[in-house]
Protein backbone atom coordinates (compact mmCIF):
# COMPACT_ATOMS: atom_id res chain seq x y z
CA MET A 1 1.61 -26.16 1.43
CA LYS A 2 1.03 -26.84 -2.21
CA ALA A 3 0.92 -23.88 -4.55
CA ASN A 4 -2.62 -23.05 -5.61
CA VAL A 5 -2.16 -19.58 -7.14
CA GLY A 6 -1.19 -19.53 -10.83
CA GLY A 7 0.84 -17.07 -12.89
CA VAL A 8 -1.82 -14.64 -14.09
CA ASP A 9 -3.48 -14.70 -10.68
CA ARG A 10 -0.14 -13.95 -9.00
CA ILE A 11 0.49 -10.94 -11.24
CA PHE A 12 -3.01 -9.59 -10.59
CA ARG A 13 -2.62 -10.07 -6.83
CA LEU A 14 0.78 -8.39 -6.78
CA VAL A 15 -0.37 -5.36 -8.77
CA ALA A 16 -3.61 -5.03 -6.79
CA GLY A 17 -1.78 -5.49 -3.49
CA LEU A 18 0.82 -2.86 -4.22
CA ALA A 19 -1.88 -0.48 -5.45
CA LEU A 20 -3.88 -0.93 -2.26
CA ILE A 21 -0.82 -0.39 -0.09
CA ALA A 22 0.00 2.77 -2.03
CA ALA A 23 -3.60 3.96 -1.83
CA GLY A 24 -3.63 3.50 1.92
CA ALA A 25 -0.25 5.08 2.52
CA ILE A 26 -0.10 7.85 -0.06
CA ALA A 27 -3.56 8.67 -1.42
CA GLY A 28 -4.83 10.09 1.86
CA LEU A 29 -7.83 7.87 2.53
CA ALA A 30 -9.89 8.55 5.64
CA GLU A 31 -8.49 7.21 8.90
CA PRO A 32 -9.94 3.69 9.23
CA TRP A 33 -9.98 2.99 5.48
CA ASN A 34 -6.28 3.56 4.95
CA TYR A 35 -5.52 0.71 7.38
CA VAL A 36 -8.08 -1.54 5.71
CA ALA A 37 -6.58 -0.85 2.28
CA MET A 38 -3.02 -1.46 3.47
CA GLY A 39 -4.04 -4.66 5.28
CA ALA A 40 -5.83 -6.05 2.22
CA GLY A 41 -2.88 -5.03 0.05
CA ALA A 42 -0.49 -6.83 2.37
CA VAL A 43 -2.58 -10.01 2.19
CA PHE A 44 -2.75 -9.86 -1.62
CA THR A 45 0.99 -9.26 -1.88
CA LEU A 46 1.82 -12.05 0.58
CA THR A 47 -0.39 -14.62 -1.16
CA SER A 48 1.20 -13.63 -4.47
CA VAL A 49 4.72 -14.13 -3.13
CA ILE A 50 4.11 -17.48 -1.38
CA LYS A 51 1.84 -18.82 -4.19
CA PHE A 52 -0.74 -20.03 -1.67
CA CYS A 53 -4.19 -18.70 -0.78
CA PRO A 54 -5.99 -20.26 2.21
CA LEU A 55 -9.40 -19.19 0.87
CA TYR A 56 -8.75 -21.17 -2.30
CA VAL A 57 -8.37 -24.31 -0.16
CA ILE A 58 -11.65 -23.62 1.66
CA PHE A 59 -13.58 -23.08 -1.57
CA GLY A 60 -11.73 -25.69 -3.64
CA PHE A 61 -10.24 -23.31 -6.21
CA LYS A 62 -6.87 -23.72 -7.87
CA THR A 63 -5.42 -21.49 -10.59
CA CYS A 64 -2.10 -23.31 -10.76
CA PRO A 65 -1.64 -25.58 -13.78
CA ALA A 66 -1.90 -29.30 -13.00
CA LYS A 67 1.32 -31.27 -13.03
């Protein structure tokens, strides 16, 4: 897997992911939506950590600087 998520994108994904996890766990969302928020937050956080987004491959995006 080649990295396709750049620095600014990684920071945004990490912050958004942690915020969604917190919103689902702490903010008291209604029953199905708390799981949706935590699941989306987990995906954002994971793609930030591994620097790879499968949807970017499908759509041909890349925010990583070219080497």
